[in-house]
Amino acid sequence: MGKEGLLIAAPIASKIKSGLEAEPRERLMPRTLREQLDQVECDIKLYMEFDKAEKDRFNRESYLWTAEDRIEWQEMQSDNAQRLRELFEERDALRSQLDL
């Protein structure tokens, strides 16, 4: 991969990824349904920002990638998409509990 693309995307991706990978106690687990919904909304936003940053990186750098790099990127995209689906389901469940 090109160093220029990595230098640009790395700070954004690492910031987003560190927020997503934080241990629950580090993220202060919410107590009320509303706090849980707010946390899920925040997680959705972070995953969507990460997804956009990764797609931008793909568009910039993919011509330099090896087959292994592409496979790794596709697997990460698949994992992110699955997690987003789970978060959307969790958000919908919380909204229905709150009658929103």
N, C-alpha and C. Protein backbone atom coordinates (compact mmCIF):
# COMPACT_ATOMS: atom_id res chain seq x y z
N MET A 1 0.84 -1.18 0.00
CA MET A 1 0.00 0.00 0.00
C MET A 1 0.88 1.23 0.00
N GLY A 2 0.36 2.32 -0.57
CA GLY A 2 1.12 3.56 -0.62
C GLY A 2 1.22 4.23 0.74
N LYS A 3 2.40 4.75 1.02
CA LYS A 3 2.61 5.38 2.33
C LYS A 3 1.77 6.64 2.48
N GLU A 4 1.57 7.38 1.40
CA GLU A 4 0.80 8.62 1.49
C GLU A 4 -0.62 8.35 1.96
N GLY A 5 -1.27 7.35 1.38
CA GLY A 5 -2.64 7.00 1.76
C GLY A 5 -2.72 6.53 3.20
N LEU A 6 -1.71 5.78 3.60
CA LEU A 6 -1.69 5.29 4.98
C LEU A 6 -1.53 6.43 5.96
N LEU A 7 -0.72 7.41 5.63
CA LEU A 7 -0.51 8.54 6.53
C LEU A 7 -1.77 9.37 6.70
N ILE A 8 -2.53 9.48 5.63
CA ILE A 8 -3.77 10.27 5.71
C ILE A 8 -4.85 9.49 6.45
N ALA A 9 -5.03 8.23 6.11
CA ALA A 9 -6.14 7.45 6.67
C ALA A 9 -5.85 6.93 8.06
N ALA A 10 -4.59 6.72 8.39
CA ALA A 10 -4.25 6.09 9.67
C ALA A 10 -4.78 6.83 10.89
N PRO A 11 -4.60 8.16 11.00
CA PRO A 11 -5.12 8.83 12.20
C PRO A 11 -6.63 8.72 12.34
N ILE A 12 -7.35 8.85 11.23
CA ILE A 12 -8.81 8.76 11.27
C ILE A 12 -9.23 7.36 11.65
N ALA A 13 -8.67 6.38 10.95
CA ALA A 13 -9.06 4.99 11.19
C ALA A 13 -8.69 4.55 12.60
N SER A 14 -7.51 4.95 13.09
CA SER A 14 -7.11 4.51 14.43
C SER A 14 -7.99 5.15 15.50
N LYS A 15 -8.38 6.42 15.31
CA LYS A 15 -9.26 7.08 16.27
C LYS A 15 -10.62 6.39 16.33
N ILE A 16 -11.17 6.12 15.17
CA ILE A 16 -12.47 5.46 15.11
C ILE A 16 -12.38 4.05 15.67
N LYS A 17 -11.35 3.31 15.24
CA LYS A 17 -11.20 1.93 15.68
C LYS A 17 -10.99 1.85 17.19
N SER A 18 -10.22 2.77 17.76
CA SER A 18 -9.99 2.73 19.21
C SER A 18 -11.30 2.97 19.96
N GLY A 19 -12.16 3.82 19.42
CA GLY A 19 -13.46 4.05 20.05
C GLY A 19 -14.35 2.83 19.97
N LEU A 20 -14.24 2.10 18.88
CA LEU A 20 -15.07 0.92 18.69
C LEU A 20 -14.58 -0.26 19.51
N GLU A 21 -13.28 -0.32 19.75
CA GLU A 21 -12.72 -1.47 20.45
C GLU A 21 -12.58 -1.26 21.95
N ALA A 22 -12.99 -0.12 22.46
CA ALA A 22 -12.85 0.16 23.89
C ALA A 22 -13.63 -0.86 24.70
N GLU A 23 -13.07 -1.25 25.81
CA GLU A 23 -13.75 -2.16 26.72
C GLU A 23 -15.02 -1.48 27.24
N PRO A 24 -16.08 -2.24 27.50
CA PRO A 24 -17.32 -1.64 27.97
C PRO A 24 -17.14 -0.75 29.20
N ARG A 25 -16.29 -1.16 30.14
CA ARG A 25 -16.13 -0.32 31.33
C ARG A 25 -15.42 0.99 30.98
N GLU A 26 -14.60 0.98 29.92
CA GLU A 26 -13.94 2.20 29.48
C GLU A 26 -14.96 3.13 28.82
N ARG A 27 -15.97 2.56 28.23
CA ARG A 27 -16.99 3.35 27.54
C ARG A 27 -18.13 3.71 28.49
N LEU A 28 -18.02 3.33 29.73
CA LEU A 28 -19.05 3.61 30.73
C LEU A 28 -20.41 3.11 30.26
N MET A 29 -20.70 1.88 30.57
CA MET A 29 -21.93 1.26 30.13
C MET A 29 -23.14 2.08 30.59
N PRO A 30 -24.02 2.38 29.66
CA PRO A 30 -25.21 3.16 30.01
C PRO A 30 -26.16 2.35 30.89
N ARG A 31 -26.91 3.07 31.73
CA ARG A 31 -27.82 2.40 32.65
C ARG A 31 -29.26 2.43 32.19
N THR A 32 -29.72 3.53 31.63
CA THR A 32 -31.11 3.62 31.22
C THR A 32 -31.24 3.22 29.75
N LEU A 33 -32.47 2.94 29.34
CA LEU A 33 -32.71 2.60 27.93
C LEU A 33 -32.30 3.74 27.02
N ARG A 34 -32.58 4.96 27.45
CA ARG A 34 -32.21 6.13 26.64
C ARG A 34 -30.69 6.24 26.49
N GLU A 35 -29.97 5.98 27.57
CA GLU A 35 -28.51 6.01 27.50
C GLU A 35 -27.99 4.89 26.60
N GLN A 36 -28.63 3.73 26.66
CA GLN A 36 -28.25 2.62 25.79
C GLN A 36 -28.48 2.99 24.33
N LEU A 37 -29.62 3.61 24.06
CA LEU A 37 -29.93 4.04 22.69
C LEU A 37 -28.91 5.07 22.22
N ASP A 38 -28.57 6.01 23.06
CA ASP A 38 -27.57 7.02 22.71
C ASP A 38 -26.23 6.37 22.39
N GLN A 39 -25.84 5.37 23.18
CA GLN A 39 -24.58 4.67 22.94
C GLN A 39 -24.61 3.91 21.62
N VAL A 40 -25.73 3.25 21.34
CA VAL A 40 -25.86 2.52 20.07
C VAL A 40 -25.80 3.49 18.90
N GLU A 41 -26.47 4.64 19.04
CA GLU A 41 -26.42 5.65 17.98
C GLU A 41 -24.98 6.13 17.76
N CYS A 42 -24.25 6.32 18.83
CA CYS A 42 -22.85 6.74 18.74
C CYS A 42 -22.01 5.66 18.05
N ASP A 43 -22.24 4.40 18.40
CA ASP A 43 -21.51 3.30 17.77
C ASP A 43 -21.83 3.21 16.28
N ILE A 44 -23.09 3.39 15.92
CA ILE A 44 -23.48 3.37 14.51
C ILE A 44 -22.73 4.46 13.76
N LYS A 45 -22.70 5.64 14.34
CA LYS A 45 -22.00 6.76 13.71
C LYS A 45 -20.52 6.43 13.52
N LEU A 46 -19.87 5.87 14.55
CA LEU A 46 -18.46 5.52 14.45
C LEU A 46 -18.21 4.46 13.37
N TYR A 47 -19.05 3.43 13.33
CA TYR A 47 -18.88 2.40 12.31
C TYR A 47 -19.09 2.96 10.92
N MET A 48 -20.05 3.85 10.76
CA MET A 48 -20.30 4.44 9.45
C MET A 48 -19.14 5.34 9.03
N GLU A 49 -18.58 6.10 9.97
CA GLU A 49 -17.41 6.93 9.66
C GLU A 49 -16.22 6.06 9.28
N PHE A 50 -16.02 4.98 10.03
CA PHE A 50 -14.93 4.06 9.73
C PHE A 50 -15.12 3.44 8.34
N ASP A 51 -16.36 3.05 8.04
CA ASP A 51 -16.67 2.45 6.74
C ASP A 51 -16.36 3.43 5.61
N LYS A 52 -16.76 4.69 5.79
CA LYS A 52 -16.48 5.70 4.77
C LYS A 52 -14.99 5.91 4.60
N ALA A 53 -14.27 6.01 5.71
CA ALA A 53 -12.81 6.21 5.65
C ALA A 53 -12.15 5.04 4.93
N GLU A 54 -12.60 3.83 5.20
CA GLU A 54 -12.02 2.65 4.56
C GLU A 54 -12.35 2.61 3.07
N LYS A 55 -13.56 2.99 2.69
CA LYS A 55 -13.91 3.01 1.26
C LYS A 55 -13.12 4.08 0.53
N ASP A 56 -12.91 5.23 1.18
CA ASP A 56 -12.07 6.27 0.59
C ASP A 56 -10.64 5.77 0.41
N ARG A 57 -10.12 5.07 1.42
CA ARG A 57 -8.77 4.51 1.34
C ARG A 57 -8.69 3.49 0.20
N PHE A 58 -9.73 2.66 0.06
CA PHE A 58 -9.77 1.69 -1.02
C PHE A 58 -9.69 2.38 -2.37
N ASN A 59 -10.49 3.44 -2.53
CA ASN A 59 -10.51 4.17 -3.80
C ASN A 59 -9.16 4.82 -4.11
N ARG A 60 -8.46 5.26 -3.06
CA ARG A 60 -7.16 5.90 -3.25
C ARG A 60 -6.04 4.91 -3.52
N GLU A 61 -6.04 3.78 -2.82
CA GLU A 61 -4.86 2.93 -2.76
C GLU A 61 -4.99 1.54 -3.34
N SER A 62 -6.17 1.08 -3.63
CA SER A 62 -6.36 -0.34 -3.94
C SER A 62 -5.54 -0.81 -5.13
N TYR A 63 -5.20 0.09 -6.03
CA TYR A 63 -4.40 -0.34 -7.19
C TYR A 63 -2.99 -0.78 -6.77
N LEU A 64 -2.58 -0.44 -5.55
CA LEU A 64 -1.27 -0.84 -5.04
C LEU A 64 -1.31 -2.12 -4.22
N TRP A 65 -2.50 -2.60 -3.90
CA TRP A 65 -2.65 -3.71 -2.97
C TRP A 65 -2.37 -5.05 -3.62
N THR A 66 -1.92 -5.96 -2.77
CA THR A 66 -1.77 -7.35 -3.20
C THR A 66 -3.13 -8.03 -3.07
N ALA A 67 -3.20 -9.26 -3.57
CA ALA A 67 -4.45 -10.02 -3.44
C ALA A 67 -4.80 -10.23 -1.97
N GLU A 68 -3.78 -10.46 -1.15
CA GLU A 68 -4.01 -10.67 0.29
C GLU A 68 -4.58 -9.40 0.94
N ASP A 69 -4.06 -8.23 0.53
CA ASP A 69 -4.57 -6.96 1.05
C ASP A 69 -6.05 -6.80 0.72
N ARG A 70 -6.41 -7.15 -0.50
CA ARG A 70 -7.80 -7.02 -0.94
C ARG A 70 -8.71 -7.98 -0.17
N ILE A 71 -8.25 -9.19 0.03
CA ILE A 71 -9.04 -10.17 0.78
C ILE A 71 -9.23 -9.70 2.22
N GLU A 72 -8.16 -9.22 2.83
CA GLU A 72 -8.25 -8.71 4.21
C GLU A 72 -9.23 -7.55 4.29
N TRP A 73 -9.18 -6.64 3.31
CA TRP A 73 -10.08 -5.49 3.30
C TRP A 73 -11.53 -5.95 3.15
N GLN A 74 -11.76 -6.91 2.25
CA GLN A 74 -13.12 -7.42 2.05
C GLN A 74 -13.66 -8.09 3.31
N GLU A 75 -12.82 -8.84 3.99
CA GLU A 75 -13.25 -9.49 5.23
C GLU A 75 -13.59 -8.44 6.29
N MET A 76 -12.78 -7.39 6.39
CA MET A 76 -13.05 -6.33 7.35
C MET A 76 -14.36 -5.62 7.01
N GLN A 77 -14.58 -5.36 5.73
CA GLN A 77 -15.82 -4.72 5.31
C GLN A 77 -17.03 -5.59 5.64
N SER A 78 -16.89 -6.87 5.44
CA SER A 78 -17.98 -7.80 5.76
C SER A 78 -18.27 -7.80 7.26
N ASP A 79 -17.21 -7.83 8.08
CA ASP A 79 -17.38 -7.79 9.54
C ASP A 79 -18.04 -6.48 9.98
N ASN A 80 -17.61 -5.37 9.38
CA ASN A 80 -18.20 -4.07 9.72
C ASN A 80 -19.67 -4.01 9.34
N ALA A 81 -19.99 -4.54 8.18
CA ALA A 81 -21.39 -4.55 7.73
C ALA A 81 -22.25 -5.39 8.67
N GLN A 82 -21.73 -6.53 9.08
CA GLN A 82 -22.47 -7.39 10.02
C GLN A 82 -22.69 -6.67 11.34
N ARG A 83 -21.66 -6.01 11.85
CA ARG A 83 -21.80 -5.29 13.12
C ARG A 83 -22.79 -4.14 12.98
N LEU A 84 -22.79 -3.45 11.85
CA LEU A 84 -23.77 -2.38 11.63
C LEU A 84 -25.19 -2.94 11.62
N ARG A 85 -25.40 -4.10 10.98
CA ARG A 85 -26.73 -4.71 10.98
C ARG A 85 -27.17 -5.02 12.41
N GLU A 86 -26.25 -5.55 13.22
CA GLU A 86 -26.57 -5.85 14.62
C GLU A 86 -26.91 -4.58 15.39
N LEU A 87 -26.16 -3.53 15.15
CA LEU A 87 -26.43 -2.26 15.84
C LEU A 87 -27.78 -1.67 15.43
N PHE A 88 -28.11 -1.76 14.15
CA PHE A 88 -29.41 -1.27 13.69
C PHE A 88 -30.55 -2.06 14.34
N GLU A 89 -30.37 -3.37 14.45
CA GLU A 89 -31.39 -4.20 15.11
C GLU A 89 -31.51 -3.82 16.59
N GLU A 90 -30.37 -3.61 17.23
CA GLU A 90 -30.39 -3.22 18.64
C GLU A 90 -31.05 -1.85 18.81
N ARG A 91 -30.75 -0.93 17.89
CA ARG A 91 -31.37 0.39 17.95
C ARG A 91 -32.88 0.29 17.78
N ASP A 92 -33.31 -0.53 16.83
CA ASP A 92 -34.75 -0.69 16.61
C ASP A 92 -35.44 -1.28 17.84
N ALA A 93 -34.80 -2.25 18.48
CA ALA A 93 -35.37 -2.87 19.67
C ALA A 93 -35.46 -1.84 20.81
N LEU A 94 -34.43 -1.05 20.99
CA LEU A 94 -34.44 -0.02 22.04
C LEU A 94 -35.51 1.03 21.75
N ARG A 95 -35.61 1.43 20.49
CA ARG A 95 -36.64 2.41 20.12
C ARG A 95 -38.04 1.88 20.40
N SER A 96 -38.26 0.61 20.10
CA SER A 96 -39.60 0.06 20.35
C SER A 96 -39.88 -0.02 21.86
N GLN A 97 -38.85 -0.31 22.66
CA GLN A 97 -39.04 -0.33 24.12
C GLN A 97 -39.33 1.07 24.65
N LEU A 98 -38.78 2.08 23.98
CA LEU A 98 -39.00 3.46 24.41
C LEU A 98 -40.21 4.09 23.72
N ASP A 99 -40.89 3.31 22.88
CA ASP A 99 -42.05 3.81 22.10
C ASP A 99 -41.69 5.00 21.23
N LEU A 100 -40.55 4.91 20.57
CA LEU A 100 -40.11 5.99 19.66
C LEU A 100 -40.40 5.63 18.23
